[in-house]
Amino acid sequence: MAHAPALAAATSGVNRHLRGETNEIMLKKKGTIPVNTGDLMFVDAVNGASAGGGTASFLAFPAAYCSFNTHAYFEVNFAGVAMSGSLSGVTEEIPVATTGIFRYPVSTTTGMTCSPGYIVSGASYGAGGASIFSQKVVVGSAAGTMDEGRIGYCVRAEGAATTVDFNLVTRFSGGTKGLWMAS
């Protein structure tokens, strides 16, 4: 699917799509929240889950706005990757990729070991790891060292990788927490 050029201020992110069908869906995002191309997105489907709390809005938010102190919520409501940006102050629908192979930086400067099938999760930061980066990931082994926040599987082997190529698994691509490998 072709995209209109995004506004310069809304494109500080990167189109991280490498290959494969993206099966994009249009999700409405909250007007007070900026979205960058490449942001990992979740759907606010539970009361109090997004920045500001309140009732479930069913709007799309970048990962950094997930306010639950658990990655389990992010995982089951992970929508995919923003394929274009949107400025704060604009309530609009944005295209979100639900499938495909994507490349993201890992959250450590020393890199991580990746092998096909290893689990990729949204990377944590902040006090007690309560927040999730919108554009960084971590890698765990296929044996299940990453129990929550999972967003896909590695597709390329590399030692001490500073980026990881992975296949998305989202709530819209048929993936749910119950379908992940036994950990």
C-alpha atoms as a PDB file:
ATOM      1  CA  MET A   1       0.000   0.000   0.000  1.00  0.00           C
ATOM      2  CA  ALA A   2       1.450   3.359  -1.002  1.00  0.00           C
ATOM      3  CA  HIS A   3       1.570   6.162   1.561  1.00  0.00           C
ATOM      4  CA  ALA A   4       1.284   9.894   1.065  1.00  0.00           C
ATOM      5  CA  PRO A   5       4.385  11.727   2.270  1.00  0.00           C
ATOM      6  CA  ALA A   6       4.014  12.442   5.983  1.00  0.00           C
ATOM      7  CA  LEU A   7       4.596  15.886   7.405  1.00  0.00           C
ATOM      8  CA  ALA A   8       8.265  16.468   8.213  1.00  0.00           C
ATOM      9  CA  ALA A   9       7.575  17.055  11.911  1.00  0.00           C
ATOM     10  CA  ALA A  10       5.702  13.758  12.168  1.00  0.00           C
ATOM     11  CA  THR A  11       8.385  11.595  10.557  1.00  0.00           C
ATOM     12  CA  SER A  12      11.173  11.523  13.087  1.00  0.00           C
ATOM     13  CA  GLY A  13      10.630   7.762  13.073  1.00  0.00           C
ATOM     14  CA  VAL A  14      11.817   5.397  10.376  1.00  0.00           C
ATOM     15  CA  ASN A  15       9.916   3.134   8.018  1.00  0.00           C
ATOM     16  CA  ARG A  16      11.269  -0.091   9.501  1.00  0.00           C
ATOM     17  CA  HIS A  17       9.478  -2.468   7.099  1.00  0.00           C
ATOM     18  CA  LEU A  18      11.877  -4.782   5.245  1.00  0.00           C
ATOM     19  CA  ARG A  19       9.662  -7.184   3.320  1.00  0.00           C
ATOM     20  CA  GLY A  20       6.434  -9.152   3.249  1.00  0.00           C
ATOM     21  CA  GLU A  21       2.800  -8.117   3.173  1.00  0.00           C
ATOM     22  CA  THR A  22       1.972  -5.503   5.801  1.00  0.00           C
ATOM     23  CA  ASN A  23      -1.806  -6.114   5.826  1.00  0.00           C
ATOM     24  CA  GLU A  24      -2.383  -2.590   7.061  1.00  0.00           C
ATOM     25  CA  ILE A  25      -5.441  -1.543   8.999  1.00  0.00           C
ATOM     26  CA  MET A  26      -6.559   1.994   9.742  1.00  0.00           C
ATOM     27  CA  LEU A  27      -6.654   2.833  13.459  1.00  0.00           C
ATOM     28  CA  LYS A  28      -7.831   6.082  14.967  1.00  0.00           C
ATOM     29  CA  LYS A  29      -5.287   7.723  17.233  1.00  0.00           C
ATOM     30  CA  LYS A  30      -5.921  10.218  20.041  1.00  0.00           C
ATOM     31  CA  GLY A  31      -5.466  13.815  18.910  1.00  0.00           C
ATOM     32  CA  THR A  32      -3.234  14.836  21.819  1.00  0.00           C
ATOM     33  CA  ILE A  33      -0.718  12.049  21.142  1.00  0.00           C
ATOM     34  CA  PRO A  34       1.955  12.314  18.418  1.00  0.00           C
ATOM     35  CA  VAL A  35       2.767   9.194  16.414  1.00  0.00           C
ATOM     36  CA  ASN A  36       6.026   8.652  14.507  1.00  0.00           C
ATOM     37  CA  THR A  37       6.498   6.361  11.540  1.00  0.00           C
ATOM     38  CA  GLY A  38       7.771   3.056  12.946  1.00  0.00           C
ATOM     39  CA  ASP A  39       6.189   3.368  16.416  1.00  0.00           C
ATOM     40  CA  LEU A  40       5.077   0.093  17.990  1.00  0.00           C
ATOM     41  CA  MET A  41       1.333   0.643  18.524  1.00  0.00           C
ATOM     42  CA  PHE A  42      -1.232  -0.786  20.943  1.00  0.00           C
ATOM     43  CA  VAL A  43      -5.017  -0.441  21.168  1.00  0.00           C
ATOM     44  CA  ASP A  44      -6.454   0.987  24.397  1.00  0.00           C
ATOM     45  CA  ALA A  45      -8.930  -1.830  25.033  1.00  0.00           C
ATOM     46  CA  VAL A  46      -8.940  -1.883  28.861  1.00  0.00           C
ATOM     47  CA  ASN A  47      -9.999   0.803  31.346  1.00  0.00           C
ATOM     48  CA  GLY A  48      -7.018   2.892  32.470  1.00  0.00           C
ATOM     49  CA  ALA A  49      -4.525   1.318  30.074  1.00  0.00           C
ATOM     50  CA  SER A  50      -3.430   4.407  28.200  1.00  0.00           C
ATOM     51  CA  ALA A  51      -1.889   7.666  29.292  1.00  0.00           C
ATOM     52  CA  GLY A  52      -4.433   9.568  31.330  1.00  0.00           C
ATOM     53  CA  GLY A  53      -6.372   6.470  32.435  1.00  0.00           C
ATOM     54  CA  GLY A  54     -10.136   6.476  32.187  1.00  0.00           C
ATOM     55  CA  THR A  55     -12.354   4.156  30.240  1.00  0.00           C
ATOM     56  CA  ALA A  56     -11.245   2.085  27.279  1.00  0.00           C
ATOM     57  CA  SER A  57     -11.114   4.348  24.237  1.00  0.00           C
ATOM     58  CA  PHE A  58     -10.206   1.725  21.611  1.00  0.00           C
ATOM     59  CA  LEU A  59      -7.819   4.316  20.169  1.00  0.00           C
ATOM     60  CA  ALA A  60      -4.280   3.508  18.998  1.00  0.00           C
ATOM     61  CA  PHE A  61      -1.291   4.713  21.048  1.00  0.00           C
ATOM     62  CA  PRO A  62       2.513   4.354  20.694  1.00  0.00           C
ATOM     63  CA  ALA A  63       4.024   1.840  23.149  1.00  0.00           C
ATOM     64  CA  ALA A  64       5.497   4.604  25.339  1.00  0.00           C
ATOM     65  CA  TYR A  65       1.948   5.632  26.293  1.00  0.00           C
ATOM     66  CA  CYS A  66       1.032   2.242  27.772  1.00  0.00           C
ATOM     67  CA  SER A  67       0.482   3.042  31.449  1.00  0.00           C
ATOM     68  CA  PHE A  68      -0.061  -0.447  32.833  1.00  0.00           C
ATOM     69  CA  ASN A  69       2.832  -1.743  34.943  1.00  0.00           C
ATOM     70  CA  THR A  70       2.938  -4.978  32.978  1.00  0.00           C
ATOM     71  CA  HIS A  71       3.940  -6.006  29.492  1.00  0.00           C
ATOM     72  CA  ALA A  72       1.135  -8.589  29.385  1.00  0.00           C
ATOM     73  CA  TYR A  73      -1.396  -5.856  28.584  1.00  0.00           C
ATOM     74  CA  PHE A  74       0.824  -4.455  25.827  1.00  0.00           C
ATOM     75  CA  GLU A  75       1.304  -7.921  24.338  1.00  0.00           C
ATOM     76  CA  VAL A  76      -2.359  -8.874  24.005  1.00  0.00           C
ATOM     77  CA  ASN A  77      -3.259  -5.411  22.681  1.00  0.00           C
ATOM     78  CA  PHE A  78      -0.238  -4.956  20.392  1.00  0.00           C
ATOM     79  CA  ALA A  79      -1.676  -3.671  17.103  1.00  0.00           C
ATOM     80  CA  GLY A  80       1.435  -3.435  14.924  1.00  0.00           C
ATOM     81  CA  VAL A  81       3.718  -0.778  13.455  1.00  0.00           C
ATOM     82  CA  ALA A  82       2.688   2.779  12.491  1.00  0.00           C
ATOM     83  CA  MET A  83       3.344   3.186   8.775  1.00  0.00           C
ATOM     84  CA  SER A  84       3.019   6.972   8.846  1.00  0.00           C
ATOM     85  CA  GLY A  85       3.275   9.706  11.428  1.00  0.00           C
ATOM     86  CA  SER A  86       0.670  12.050  12.859  1.00  0.00           C
ATOM     87  CA  LEU A  87       1.160  15.299  14.721  1.00  0.00           C
ATOM     88  CA  SER A  88      -0.181  16.002  18.193  1.00  0.00           C
ATOM     89  CA  GLY A  89      -3.404  17.978  17.962  1.00  0.00           C
ATOM     90  CA  VAL A  90      -4.742  15.916  15.049  1.00  0.00           C
ATOM     91  CA  THR A  91      -7.309  13.165  15.591  1.00  0.00           C
ATOM     92  CA  GLU A  92      -7.121  10.942  12.537  1.00  0.00           C
ATOM     93  CA  GLU A  93      -6.760   7.389  11.330  1.00  0.00           C
ATOM     94  CA  ILE A  94      -3.263   6.122  10.632  1.00  0.00           C
ATOM     95  CA  PRO A  95      -2.154   2.998   8.738  1.00  0.00           C
ATOM     96  CA  VAL A  96      -0.769   0.279  11.042  1.00  0.00           C
ATOM     97  CA  ALA A  97       1.024  -2.801   9.670  1.00  0.00           C
ATOM     98  CA  THR A  98      -0.208  -6.039  11.269  1.00  0.00           C
ATOM     99  CA  THR A  99       2.167  -8.436   9.481  1.00  0.00           C
ATOM    100  CA  GLY A 100       5.548  -8.358   7.768  1.00  0.00           C
ATOM    101  CA  ILE A 101       9.263  -8.434   8.531  1.00  0.00           C
ATOM    102  CA  PHE A 102      10.610  -5.359  10.368  1.00  0.00           C
ATOM    103  CA  ARG A 103      14.004  -4.183  11.651  1.00  0.00           C
ATOM    104  CA  TYR A 104      14.367  -2.405  15.013  1.00  0.00           C
ATOM    105  CA  PRO A 105      17.294  -1.415  17.203  1.00  0.00           C
ATOM    106  CA  VAL A 106      17.810  -3.441  20.368  1.00  0.00           C
ATOM    107  CA  SER A 107      17.827  -1.623  23.681  1.00  0.00           C
ATOM    108  CA  THR A 108      21.431  -2.447  24.635  1.00  0.00           C
ATOM    109  CA  THR A 109      24.627  -0.999  23.186  1.00  0.00           C
ATOM    110  CA  THR A 110      26.390  -4.377  23.463  1.00  0.00           C
ATOM    111  CA  GLY A 111      23.824  -6.103  21.269  1.00  0.00           C
ATOM    112  CA  MET A 112      21.880  -9.333  21.646  1.00  0.00           C
ATOM    113  CA  THR A 113      22.128 -12.818  20.186  1.00  0.00           C
ATOM    114  CA  CYS A 114      19.410 -13.518  17.628  1.00  0.00           C
ATOM    115  CA  SER A 115      18.448 -16.819  16.037  1.00  0.00           C
ATOM    116  CA  PRO A 116      15.397 -17.630  13.944  1.00  0.00           C
ATOM    117  CA  GLY A 117      12.481 -18.338  16.272  1.00  0.00           C
ATOM    118  CA  TYR A 118      13.805 -16.311  19.201  1.00  0.00           C
ATOM    119  CA  ILE A 119      11.125 -14.113  20.755  1.00  0.00           C
ATOM    120  CA  VAL A 120      11.184 -10.332  20.279  1.00  0.00           C
ATOM    121  CA  SER A 121       9.518  -8.088  22.867  1.00  0.00           C
ATOM    122  CA  GLY A 122       9.042  -4.381  23.396  1.00  0.00           C
ATOM    123  CA  ALA A 123      12.024  -3.030  25.397  1.00  0.00           C
ATOM    124  CA  SER A 124      11.436  -1.692  28.921  1.00  0.00           C
ATOM    125  CA  TYR A 125      12.707   1.459  30.570  1.00  0.00           C
ATOM    126  CA  GLY A 126      11.975   3.576  33.629  1.00  0.00           C
ATOM    127  CA  ALA A 127      11.491   2.654  37.285  1.00  0.00           C
ATOM    128  CA  GLY A 128      11.050  -1.095  37.517  1.00  0.00           C
ATOM    129  CA  GLY A 129      10.810  -1.379  33.725  1.00  0.00           C
ATOM    130  CA  ALA A 130       7.250  -0.058  33.837  1.00  0.00           C
ATOM    131  CA  SER A 131       7.404   1.682  30.452  1.00  0.00           C
ATOM    132  CA  ILE A 132       7.974   0.384  26.924  1.00  0.00           C
ATOM    133  CA  PHE A 133      10.027   2.086  24.222  1.00  0.00           C
ATOM    134  CA  SER A 134       8.063   2.913  21.082  1.00  0.00           C
ATOM    135  CA  GLN A 135      11.007   2.039  18.795  1.00  0.00           C
ATOM    136  CA  LYS A 136      13.352  -0.375  20.610  1.00  0.00           C
ATOM    137  CA  VAL A 137      13.118  -4.106  21.250  1.00  0.00           C
ATOM    138  CA  VAL A 138      14.761  -6.916  23.231  1.00  0.00           C
ATOM    139  CA  VAL A 139      15.392 -10.534  22.243  1.00  0.00           C
ATOM    140  CA  GLY A 140      14.858 -13.670  24.337  1.00  0.00           C
ATOM    141  CA  SER A 141      15.451 -17.307  23.502  1.00  0.00           C
ATOM    142  CA  ALA A 142      12.875 -19.564  21.911  1.00  0.00           C
ATOM    143  CA  ALA A 143      12.740 -21.388  25.254  1.00  0.00           C
ATOM    144  CA  GLY A 144      10.641 -18.529  26.581  1.00  0.00           C
ATOM    145  CA  THR A 145      12.874 -16.187  28.561  1.00  0.00           C
ATOM    146  CA  MET A 146      10.657 -13.339  27.385  1.00  0.00           C
ATOM    147  CA  ASP A 147       7.293 -14.087  28.961  1.00  0.00           C
ATOM    148  CA  GLU A 148       5.472 -10.833  28.257  1.00  0.00           C
ATOM    149  CA  GLY A 149       5.481  -7.930  25.842  1.00  0.00           C
ATOM    150  CA  ARG A 150       6.089 -10.269  22.907  1.00  0.00           C
ATOM    151  CA  ILE A 151       5.606  -8.746  19.465  1.00  0.00           C
ATOM    152  CA  GLY A 152       7.231 -11.241  17.090  1.00  0.00           C
ATOM    153  CA  TYR A 153       9.907 -13.795  16.187  1.00  0.00           C
ATOM    154  CA  CYS A 154      13.496 -13.313  14.950  1.00  0.00           C
ATOM    155  CA  VAL A 155      14.023 -14.270  11.313  1.00  0.00           C
ATOM    156  CA  ARG A 156      17.789 -13.631  10.973  1.00  0.00           C
ATOM    157  CA  ALA A 157      20.670 -15.130  12.961  1.00  0.00           C
ATOM    158  CA  GLU A 158      23.276 -12.745  14.316  1.00  0.00           C
ATOM    159  CA  GLY A 159      25.541 -12.579  17.357  1.00  0.00           C
ATOM    160  CA  ALA A 160      25.782  -9.319  19.329  1.00  0.00           C
ATOM    161  CA  ALA A 161      23.148  -7.746  17.073  1.00  0.00           C
ATOM    162  CA  THR A 162      22.389  -4.062  17.508  1.00  0.00           C
ATOM    163  CA  THR A 163      19.318  -4.468  15.299  1.00  0.00           C
ATOM    164  CA  VAL A 164      16.944  -7.390  14.942  1.00  0.00           C
ATOM    165  CA  ASP A 165      14.823  -8.504  11.989  1.00  0.00           C
ATOM    166  CA  PHE A 166      11.557 -10.056  13.113  1.00  0.00           C
ATOM    167  CA  ASN A 167       8.168 -11.213  11.909  1.00  0.00           C
ATOM    168  CA  LEU A 168       5.293  -9.324  13.574  1.00  0.00           C
ATOM    169  CA  VAL A 169       2.673 -11.138  15.647  1.00  0.00           C
ATOM    170  CA  THR A 170      -0.212  -8.811  16.547  1.00  0.00           C
ATOM    171  CA  ARG A 171      -3.762  -8.997  17.894  1.00  0.00           C
ATOM    172  CA  PHE A 172      -4.865  -8.446  14.272  1.00  0.00           C
ATOM    173  CA  SER A 173      -2.599 -11.080  12.688  1.00  0.00           C
ATOM    174  CA  GLY A 174      -4.157 -13.928  14.641  1.00  0.00           C
ATOM    175  CA  GLY A 175      -1.545 -13.927  17.434  1.00  0.00           C
ATOM    176  CA  THR A 176      -2.578 -13.846  21.062  1.00  0.00           C
ATOM    177  CA  LYS A 177      -0.806 -14.659  24.293  1.00  0.00           C
ATOM    178  CA  GLY A 178      -2.336 -18.148  24.248  1.00  0.00           C
ATOM    179  CA  LEU A 179      -0.698 -18.963  20.908  1.00  0.00           C
ATOM    180  CA  TRP A 180       2.909 -18.270  21.922  1.00  0.00           C
ATOM    181  CA  MET A 181       5.350 -21.114  22.467  1.00  0.00           C
ATOM    182  CA  ALA A 182       5.211 -22.700  25.905  1.00  0.00           C
ATOM    183  CA  SER A 183       7.660 -20.924  28.150  1.00  0.00           C
END
